[in-house]
């Protein structure tokens, strides 16, 4: 039997949180689909701190199928962390991510794999005909997706769905925290990844209750601001902080110049009549300097991150290893003997 950890081609990552009712059925559907495709595969099931019997049922699957691996988190860390844990344990060339609540149809996996085979780095699912609640799910989702597409420059319709396919080597380069799993296409675009989307079905949950609430939409908005900053200034933070610093310093110097002109032309006492305004100008200048310094420190960190050699306190010009370990000593004894004879002649 081949080593599944090295021969796997597709890794299917599924996070579970209190989904005991769907574990067995989802596995049976995944098993049938992957057997039909003929692809080598492994199943990475992540238990995200479930309090029901989800972990027990997952362990039973691992006993009967050696392709099943279980990653159990100590508590509920959230979907992004669960996916990141699953991605870290993948061995396949391609990675399929999907939810564990049966709202994603495993029979659509071959379509994702076909697109990856065509050369795309990411294939994103698109719930083109949604059946969720109109005001609680569809309207907020449509607004959020429109805003994400505009700010990130990635023109896909559905950032929110977990049902996506990736090349594993790309995932290893992406930072995942907060609700960042939604923004993987946007983050990957910074690395020049090619992205496409395929239409998928949107099914009702068959077991359990939804963990979605409207507050998650606001958390996503904050993460979107982070992604926007990373995409534009990740490699040049001075451009962001420096711009703010220049604005603050310009305003501060402008106020100071106006006060100076007021003093010269009218002879008024700046401290007595405009003391608060003078303090405000000084604060603006100091804050501007601090922002500039912060940008420089950010640029220094970026430089150190992208230049690991900069961490070494020296610079090597050349390395000569005549007698390196393991290298045959061809003529070495004769050379050393000649040098020893020359030393004796010089000493005489």
Protein backbone atom coordinates (compact mmCIF):
# COMPACT_ATOMS: atom_id res chain seq x y z
CA UNK A 1 0.00 0.00 0.00
CA UNK A 2 1.53 3.41 -0.97
CA UNK A 3 2.36 5.99 1.65
CA UNK A 4 -0.70 8.22 1.69
CA UNK A 5 1.22 11.07 3.26
CA UNK A 6 3.48 11.37 0.22
CA UNK A 7 1.33 10.13 -2.65
CA UNK A 8 -1.76 12.27 -1.96
CA UNK A 9 -2.67 14.72 -4.67
CA UNK A 10 -5.80 16.34 -3.20
CA UNK A 11 -6.32 17.38 0.41
CA UNK A 12 -9.91 18.01 1.46
CA UNK A 13 -10.05 20.29 4.51
CA UNK A 14 -13.31 20.51 6.45
CA UNK A 15 -13.71 22.43 9.74
CA UNK A 16 -16.42 21.19 12.11
CA UNK A 17 -18.01 22.90 15.08
CA UNK A 18 -20.88 20.99 16.71
CA UNK A 19 -21.81 19.23 13.47
CA UNK A 20 -22.33 15.69 14.81
CA UNK A 21 -25.37 15.15 12.62
CA UNK A 22 -23.55 15.76 9.34
CA UNK A 23 -20.20 14.01 9.92
CA UNK A 24 -21.08 10.55 8.61
CA UNK A 25 -23.13 11.75 5.64
CA UNK A 26 -20.55 14.30 4.52
CA UNK A 27 -17.79 11.69 4.69
CA UNK A 28 -19.80 9.19 2.66
CA UNK A 29 -20.42 11.81 -0.03
CA UNK A 30 -16.78 12.85 -0.09
CA UNK A 31 -15.67 9.23 -0.26
CA UNK A 32 -17.97 8.48 -3.20
CA UNK A 33 -16.91 11.58 -5.15
CA UNK A 34 -13.18 11.10 -4.66
CA UNK A 35 -13.38 7.40 -5.51
CA UNK A 36 -15.14 8.26 -8.75
CA UNK A 37 -12.57 10.88 -9.73
CA UNK A 38 -9.67 8.50 -9.21
CA UNK A 39 -7.54 11.19 -7.57
CA UNK A 40 -5.32 10.27 -4.67
CA UNK A 41 -6.64 12.15 -1.67
CA UNK A 42 -6.60 12.70 2.05
CA UNK A 43 -9.30 14.11 4.31
CA UNK A 44 -8.26 16.65 6.95
CA UNK A 45 -11.13 17.09 9.41
CA UNK A 46 -10.67 19.88 11.97
CA UNK A 47 -12.69 19.79 15.18
CA UNK A 48 -12.95 23.44 16.18
CA UNK A 49 -13.71 22.94 19.87
CA UNK A 50 -16.98 21.04 19.45
CA UNK A 51 -18.97 20.31 22.61
CA UNK A 52 -21.15 17.56 21.13
CA UNK A 53 -20.12 14.16 19.71
CA UNK A 54 -18.46 15.55 16.58
CA UNK A 55 -14.95 14.50 17.65
CA UNK A 56 -16.12 11.01 18.60
CA UNK A 57 -17.63 10.43 15.16
CA UNK A 58 -14.55 11.84 13.44
CA UNK A 59 -12.32 9.43 15.36
CA UNK A 60 -14.47 6.53 14.20
CA UNK A 61 -13.88 7.62 10.59
CA UNK A 62 -10.13 7.77 11.16
CA UNK A 63 -10.18 4.16 12.36
CA UNK A 64 -11.87 2.82 9.24
CA UNK A 65 -10.12 5.04 6.66
CA UNK A 66 -6.35 5.73 6.90
CA UNK A 67 -6.80 8.74 4.61
CA UNK A 68 -8.69 10.56 7.37
CA UNK A 69 -6.65 12.82 9.64
CA UNK A 70 -8.18 14.72 12.54
CA UNK A 71 -6.90 17.99 13.94
CA UNK A 72 -8.57 18.76 17.26
CA UNK A 73 -8.31 22.31 18.56
CA UNK A 74 -8.33 22.92 22.31
CA UNK A 75 -11.24 25.36 22.06
CA UNK A 76 -13.36 27.11 19.46
CA UNK A 77 -10.88 29.40 17.67
CA UNK A 78 -13.13 30.28 14.74
CA UNK A 79 -13.33 29.24 11.12
CA UNK A 80 -10.19 31.00 9.93
CA UNK A 81 -8.02 29.39 12.62
CA UNK A 82 -9.59 25.99 11.96
CA UNK A 83 -8.86 26.26 8.25
CA UNK A 84 -5.30 27.41 8.95
CA UNK A 85 -4.77 24.37 11.19
CA UNK A 86 -6.10 22.12 8.45
CA UNK A 87 -3.94 23.75 5.77
CA UNK A 88 -0.87 23.26 7.96
CA UNK A 89 -1.44 19.49 7.95
CA UNK A 90 -2.11 19.15 4.22
CA UNK A 91 0.15 17.05 2.01
CA UNK A 92 -1.69 17.20 -1.30
CA UNK A 93 -0.73 19.33 -4.26
CA UNK A 94 -4.27 20.73 -4.38
CA UNK A 95 -6.40 21.75 -1.39
CA UNK A 96 -10.20 21.77 -1.31
CA UNK A 97 -11.82 23.69 1.57
CA UNK A 98 -15.50 23.37 2.39
CA UNK A 99 -17.92 23.63 5.31
CA UNK A 100 -19.03 20.65 7.35
CA UNK A 101 -22.74 21.48 7.49
CA UNK A 102 -23.68 19.90 4.12
CA UNK A 103 -24.44 23.28 2.55
CA UNK A 104 -21.64 22.55 0.07
CA UNK A 105 -22.12 19.69 -2.36
CA UNK A 106 -19.05 17.41 -2.65
CA UNK A 107 -20.17 16.35 -6.13
CA UNK A 108 -18.96 19.76 -7.37
CA UNK A 109 -15.35 19.10 -6.33
CA UNK A 110 -14.32 17.73 -9.78
CA UNK A 111 -15.21 21.10 -11.34
CA UNK A 112 -12.78 22.83 -8.97
CA UNK A 113 -10.05 20.30 -9.77
CA UNK A 114 -10.53 20.79 -13.50
CA UNK A 115 -9.95 24.52 -13.11
CA UNK A 116 -6.80 23.93 -11.07
CA UNK A 117 -5.58 21.58 -13.78
CA UNK A 118 -6.11 24.38 -16.29
CA UNK A 119 -3.51 26.39 -14.40
CA UNK A 120 -5.47 28.56 -11.97
CA UNK A 121 -4.05 29.05 -8.48
CA UNK A 122 -7.39 29.62 -6.74
CA UNK A 123 -10.87 28.51 -7.72
CA UNK A 124 -13.59 30.26 -5.73
CA UNK A 125 -17.15 29.04 -5.39
CA UNK A 126 -19.96 31.43 -6.25
CA UNK A 127 -23.41 30.95 -4.72
CA UNK A 128 -25.15 32.52 -7.70
CA UNK A 129 -28.66 31.61 -6.51
CA UNK A 130 -28.77 32.04 -2.76
CA UNK A 131 -31.66 30.80 -0.65
CA UNK A 132 -30.63 32.43 2.65
CA UNK A 133 -32.64 35.00 4.55
CA UNK A 134 -32.92 38.13 2.41
CA UNK A 135 -32.21 40.87 4.98
CA UNK A 136 -29.98 38.98 7.42
CA UNK A 137 -27.79 37.17 4.91
CA UNK A 138 -28.20 38.07 1.25
CA UNK A 139 -28.32 41.88 1.44
CA UNK A 140 -25.37 42.24 3.89
CA UNK A 141 -23.42 39.64 1.91
CA UNK A 142 -24.00 41.37 -1.41
CA UNK A 143 -22.93 44.74 0.00
CA UNK A 144 -19.85 43.22 1.65
CA UNK A 145 -18.84 41.34 -1.49
CA UNK A 146 -19.20 44.46 -3.62
CA UNK A 147 -17.07 46.45 -1.20
CA UNK A 148 -14.43 43.71 -0.98
CA UNK A 149 -14.17 43.51 -4.76
CA UNK A 150 -13.78 47.28 -5.08
CA UNK A 151 -11.18 47.65 -2.34
CA UNK A 152 -9.15 44.55 -3.16
CA UNK A 153 -9.33 44.74 -6.95
CA UNK A 154 -10.29 41.06 -7.16
CA UNK A 155 -13.45 40.75 -9.24
CA UNK A 156 -15.23 37.75 -7.79
CA UNK A 157 -18.82 37.66 -6.61
CA UNK A 158 -18.61 35.58 -3.43
CA UNK A 159 -15.77 36.13 -0.97
CA UNK A 160 -17.71 34.64 1.94
CA UNK A 161 -18.06 31.03 0.90
CA UNK A 162 -15.54 28.55 2.28
CA UNK A 163 -15.91 26.29 -0.77
CA UNK A 164 -12.70 27.03 -2.63
CA UNK A 165 -9.75 25.20 -4.16
CA UNK A 166 -6.11 26.20 -3.84
CA UNK A 167 -2.62 25.20 -4.75
CA UNK A 168 -0.96 24.23 -1.47
CA UNK A 169 2.31 26.06 -2.13
CA UNK A 170 0.34 29.32 -2.35
CA UNK A 171 -1.46 28.83 0.96
CA UNK A 172 1.81 28.52 2.86
CA UNK A 173 2.62 32.16 2.03
CA UNK A 174 -0.61 33.71 3.30
CA UNK A 175 -1.26 35.06 6.82
CA UNK A 176 -4.55 33.74 8.21
CA UNK A 177 -6.14 35.17 11.37
CA UNK A 178 -9.35 36.91 12.38
CA UNK A 179 -11.80 36.38 9.50
CA UNK A 180 -9.04 36.37 6.89
CA UNK A 181 -10.12 33.14 5.22
CA UNK A 182 -12.66 35.23 3.33
CA UNK A 183 -9.89 37.37 1.89
CA UNK A 184 -7.55 34.62 0.70
CA UNK A 185 -8.19 35.55 -2.97
CA UNK A 186 -7.41 39.21 -2.21
CA UNK A 187 -4.23 38.34 -0.30
CA UNK A 188 -3.16 35.87 -2.97
CA UNK A 189 -3.63 38.50 -5.68
CA UNK A 190 -0.74 40.41 -4.09
CA UNK A 191 1.47 37.44 -4.98
CA UNK A 192 0.17 37.43 -8.55
CA UNK A 193 -2.13 34.42 -8.17
CA UNK A 194 -4.54 33.62 -10.99
CA UNK A 195 -8.12 33.36 -9.74
CA UNK A 196 -11.38 32.16 -11.25
CA UNK A 197 -14.78 31.26 -9.88
CA UNK A 198 -17.33 28.55 -10.55
CA UNK A 199 -21.03 28.56 -9.77
CA UNK A 200 -22.05 26.29 -6.89
CA UNK A 201 -25.32 25.30 -5.30
CA UNK A 202 -26.51 26.95 -2.11
CA UNK A 203 -28.26 24.36 0.03
CA UNK A 204 -30.11 24.65 3.31
CA UNK A 205 -28.47 23.32 6.44
CA UNK A 206 -29.71 19.78 7.09
CA UNK A 207 -28.53 19.37 10.69
CA UNK A 208 -27.77 21.66 13.61
CA UNK A 209 -28.09 25.42 13.74
CA UNK A 210 -26.25 28.17 11.94
CA UNK A 211 -23.41 29.93 13.77
CA UNK A 212 -23.78 33.06 11.65
CA UNK A 213 -24.93 36.35 13.17
CA UNK A 214 -25.03 39.92 11.95
CA UNK A 215 -22.13 40.97 14.20
CA UNK A 216 -19.82 38.87 12.05
CA UNK A 217 -20.47 41.27 9.18
CA UNK A 218 -18.97 44.12 11.20
CA UNK A 219 -15.95 42.01 12.15
CA UNK A 220 -15.44 41.28 8.47
CA UNK A 221 -15.45 45.01 7.75
CA UNK A 222 -12.59 45.57 10.18
CA UNK A 223 -10.63 42.73 8.60
CA UNK A 224 -11.33 44.27 5.21
CA UNK A 225 -9.62 47.46 6.36
CA UNK A 226 -6.61 45.36 7.39
CA UNK A 227 -6.51 43.61 4.03
CA UNK A 228 -6.76 46.94 2.22
CA UNK A 229 -3.78 48.24 4.18
CA UNK A 230 -1.76 45.05 3.60
CA UNK A 231 -2.42 45.02 -0.13
CA UNK A 232 -1.34 48.64 -0.61
CA UNK A 233 1.35 49.16 2.01
CA UNK A 234 2.64 45.77 3.17
CA UNK A 235 5.99 46.33 1.45
CA UNK A 236 6.11 50.13 1.87
CA UNK A 237 4.64 51.26 5.22
CA UNK A 238 6.53 54.57 5.01
CA UNK A 239 4.28 55.58 2.11
CA UNK A 240 1.27 55.35 4.43
CA UNK A 241 2.65 56.68 7.71
CA UNK A 242 4.91 59.17 5.94
CA UNK A 243 1.94 60.67 4.13
CA UNK A 244 0.05 61.10 7.40
CA UNK A 245 3.18 62.52 8.98
CA UNK A 246 3.64 65.09 6.23
CA UNK A 247 0.00 66.17 6.53
CA UNK A 248 0.31 66.64 10.30
CA UNK A 249 3.64 68.45 10.07
CA UNK A 250 2.40 70.71 7.28
CA UNK A 251 -0.65 71.66 9.32
CA UNK A 252 1.50 72.30 12.40
CA UNK A 253 4.02 74.45 10.54
CA UNK A 254 1.20 76.28 8.79
CA UNK A 255 -0.40 77.23 12.11
CA UNK A 256 2.99 78.23 13.54
CA UNK A 257 3.72 80.41 10.49
CA UNK A 258 0.33 82.09 10.78
CA UNK A 259 0.96 82.82 14.47
CA UNK A 260 4.40 84.21 13.64
CA UNK A 261 2.93 86.54 11.01
CA UNK A 262 0.30 87.62 13.52
CA UNK A 263 3.09 88.41 15.99
CA UNK A 264 5.20 90.34 13.46
CA UNK A 265 2.42 92.33 11.84
CA UNK A 266 0.24 93.09 14.87
CA UNK A 267 2.70 92.72 17.71
CA UNK A 268 0.35 90.53 19.73
CA UNK A 269 1.55 88.06 22.33
CA UNK A 270 1.24 84.57 20.88
CA UNK A 271 1.51 82.81 24.24
CA UNK A 272 -1.12 84.94 25.96
CA UNK A 273 -3.68 85.23 23.16
CA UNK A 274 -3.10 82.04 21.17
CA UNK A 275 -1.39 79.73 23.64
CA UNK A 276 -3.70 76.77 23.01
CA UNK A 277 -3.31 77.12 19.25
CA UNK A 278 0.47 77.20 19.64
CA UNK A 279 0.36 74.00 21.72
CA UNK A 280 -1.87 72.39 19.10
CA UNK A 281 0.63 73.30 16.36
CA UNK A 282 3.47 71.79 18.39
CA UNK A 283 1.47 68.60 18.93
CA UNK A 284 0.77 68.31 15.20
CA UNK A 285 4.46 68.65 14.39
CA UNK A 286 5.47 66.08 17.03
CA UNK A 287 2.81 63.62 15.90
CA UNK A 288 3.96 64.08 12.31
CA UNK A 289 7.54 63.30 13.30
CA UNK A 290 6.39 60.21 15.21
CA UNK A 291 4.41 58.98 12.21
CA UNK A 292 7.44 59.44 9.98
CA UNK A 293 9.58 57.51 12.46
CA UNK A 294 6.95 54.78 12.64
CA UNK A 295 6.99 54.48 8.86
CA UNK A 296 10.78 54.23 8.83
CA UNK A 297 10.67 51.49 11.48
CA UNK A 298 8.06 49.68 9.42
CA UNK A 299 10.25 49.89 6.32
CA UNK A 300 13.18 48.57 8.35
CA UNK A 301 11.13 45.57 9.48
CA UNK A 302 9.99 44.89 5.91
CA UNK A 303 13.59 45.07 4.70
CA UNK A 304 14.70 42.62 7.39
CA UNK A 305 11.81 40.29 6.56
CA UNK A 306 12.58 40.15 2.85
CA UNK A 307 16.36 40.08 3.37
CA UNK A 308 17.18 37.29 5.85
CA UNK A 309 20.90 37.78 5.15
CA UNK A 310 20.62 41.20 6.77
CA UNK A 311 20.36 39.46 10.15
CA UNK A 312 23.98 38.32 9.94
CA UNK A 313 26.55 40.67 11.53
CA UNK A 314 29.10 39.99 8.78
CA UNK A 315 29.51 39.79 5.00
CA UNK A 316 31.41 36.89 3.41
CA UNK A 317 33.47 37.64 0.32
CA UNK A 318 34.63 34.12 -0.52
CA UNK A 319 34.85 30.66 1.03
CA UNK A 320 37.68 28.30 0.05
CA UNK A 321 37.31 24.71 1.28
CA UNK A 322 40.30 22.75 0.03
CA UNK A 323 39.91 20.04 2.66
CA UNK A 324 36.18 20.08 3.22
CA UNK A 325 34.75 17.11 5.19
CA UNK A 326 33.94 14.19 2.94
CA UNK A 327 36.03 15.48 0.05
CA UNK A 328 38.81 13.09 -1.05
CA UNK A 329 42.30 14.32 -0.17
CA UNK A 330 43.76 14.17 -3.68
CA UNK A 331 47.44 14.94 -3.41
CA UNK A 332 46.94 16.64 -0.08
CA UNK A 333 49.66 14.70 1.71
CA UNK A 334 52.24 15.52 -0.97
CA UNK A 335 51.34 19.22 -0.91
CA UNK A 336 51.68 19.40 2.87
CA UNK A 337 55.03 17.55 2.66
CA UNK A 338 56.35 20.05 0.10
CA UNK A 339 55.32 22.98 2.27
CA UNK A 340 56.99 21.43 5.32
CA UNK A 341 60.26 20.97 3.36
CA UNK A 342 60.14 24.60 2.21
CA UNK A 343 59.65 25.73 5.80
CA UNK A 344 62.75 23.76 6.86
CA UNK A 345 64.83 25.25 4.05
CA UNK A 346 63.80 28.77 5.04
CA UNK A 347 64.59 28.08 8.68
CA UNK A 348 68.09 26.92 7.76
